[in-house]
C-alpha cells in the first residue's frame, strides 16, 4: 500500500476544486449585498468543505479535518458560538 497520491487524480481533483471555488465565490450575492456577513460566512464554510475534500482525496492524513474544524467554527458563529480558532486573540502593542 502506498501513501503517495496518484498525480493524475490530484490534478483532476484540483480542477474540480477550482471549479467549485469559482462557483462559490463567483455567484452573485442575492441575499443582502456584498456586505451580507451571514452569506459571506456561508460561502467560506462551503469553500472550506471543498478544500477539505480535495485534501482528503490527495493526502488522507487528517489535514482535511483542520479545514472542516474551521468551517464548523465559522458556521457556528450564526448561533452565537465562538470557537477558539475564530476567537479574537490578545492585541499586541
Protein backbone atom coordinates (compact mmCIF):
# COMPACT_ATOMS: atom_id res chain seq x y z
CA UNK A 1 0.00 0.00 0.00
CA UNK A 2 1.34 3.42 -0.92
CA UNK A 3 0.60 6.73 0.73
CA UNK A 4 1.58 8.68 -2.37
CA UNK A 5 -1.38 10.18 -4.23
CA UNK A 6 -1.86 9.49 -7.91
CA UNK A 7 -0.71 12.68 -9.72
CA UNK A 8 -3.43 12.38 -12.37
CA UNK A 9 -6.11 12.03 -9.69
CA UNK A 10 -4.70 15.00 -7.78
CA UNK A 11 -4.83 17.16 -10.92
CA UNK A 12 -8.40 16.07 -11.64
CA UNK A 13 -9.39 16.82 -8.05
CA UNK A 14 -7.62 20.18 -8.32
CA UNK A 15 -9.65 21.15 -11.36
CA UNK A 16 -12.84 20.13 -9.57
CA UNK A 17 -11.80 22.17 -6.52
CA UNK A 18 -11.09 25.25 -8.63
CA UNK A 19 -14.44 24.98 -10.44
CA UNK A 20 -16.28 24.58 -7.15
CA UNK A 21 -14.50 27.58 -5.60
CA UNK A 22 -15.29 29.69 -8.65
CA UNK A 23 -18.95 28.77 -8.23
CA UNK A 24 -18.95 29.52 -4.50
CA UNK A 25 -17.23 32.88 -4.75
CA UNK A 26 -18.36 33.87 -8.24
CA UNK A 27 -22.09 33.55 -7.65
CA UNK A 28 -23.92 36.84 -7.19
CA UNK A 29 -24.98 37.54 -3.63
CA UNK A 30 -28.76 37.59 -3.83
CA UNK A 31 -29.32 37.79 -0.08
CA UNK A 32 -28.27 41.23 1.06
CA UNK A 33 -25.50 42.71 -0.97
CA UNK A 34 -21.74 42.34 -0.78
CA UNK A 35 -21.63 43.14 2.95
CA UNK A 36 -24.10 40.42 3.99
CA UNK A 37 -21.93 38.72 6.63
CA UNK A 38 -24.05 35.54 7.10
CA UNK A 39 -23.99 34.86 3.36
CA UNK A 40 -20.26 35.54 3.18
CA UNK A 41 -19.64 33.21 6.12
CA UNK A 42 -21.76 30.52 4.49
CA UNK A 43 -19.71 30.79 1.32
CA UNK A 44 -16.50 30.30 3.28
CA UNK A 45 -17.97 27.29 5.07
CA UNK A 46 -18.84 25.70 1.73
CA UNK A 47 -15.46 26.63 0.23
CA UNK A 48 -13.57 25.14 3.18
CA UNK A 49 -15.58 21.95 2.74
CA UNK A 50 -14.41 21.76 -0.87
CA UNK A 51 -10.80 22.36 0.19
CA UNK A 52 -11.12 19.62 2.81
CA UNK A 53 -12.50 17.22 0.21
CA UNK A 54 -9.56 17.95 -2.08
CA UNK A 55 -7.04 17.45 0.72
CA UNK A 56 -8.72 14.27 1.87
CA UNK A 57 -8.56 12.84 -1.65
CA UNK A 58 -4.97 13.99 -2.14
CA UNK A 59 -3.45 13.26 1.25
CA UNK A 60 -5.78 11.43 3.61
CA UNK A 61 -3.71 12.19 6.70
CA UNK A 62 -6.16 14.21 8.74
CA UNK A 63 -5.13 17.58 7.32
CA UNK A 64 -8.60 17.94 5.84
CA UNK A 65 -10.04 17.75 9.36
CA UNK A 66 -8.43 21.08 10.25
CA UNK A 67 -10.32 22.77 7.41
CA UNK A 68 -13.57 21.10 8.46
CA UNK A 69 -12.99 22.32 12.04
CA UNK A 70 -12.53 25.87 10.75
CA UNK A 71 -15.65 25.58 8.57
CA UNK A 72 -17.63 24.36 11.59
CA UNK A 73 -16.31 27.23 13.73
CA UNK A 74 -17.37 29.78 11.12
CA UNK A 75 -20.74 28.07 10.72
CA UNK A 76 -21.38 28.14 14.47
CA UNK A 77 -20.92 31.90 14.63
CA UNK A 78 -24.51 32.34 13.44
CA UNK A 79 -25.60 30.51 16.61
CA UNK A 80 -23.51 32.74 18.84
CA UNK A 81 -20.86 30.08 19.47
CA UNK A 82 -17.31 31.38 19.13
CA UNK A 83 -14.75 28.59 18.89
CA UNK A 84 -11.17 29.31 19.91
CA UNK A 85 -9.98 29.13 16.31
CA UNK A 86 -12.05 32.22 15.38
CA UNK A 87 -11.91 34.00 18.73
CA UNK A 88 -10.04 37.31 18.69
CA UNK A 89 -6.60 36.96 20.21
CA UNK A 90 -4.78 39.34 22.50
CA UNK A 91 -3.86 42.64 20.93
CA UNK A 92 -0.14 43.13 20.52
CA UNK A 93 1.35 46.53 21.00
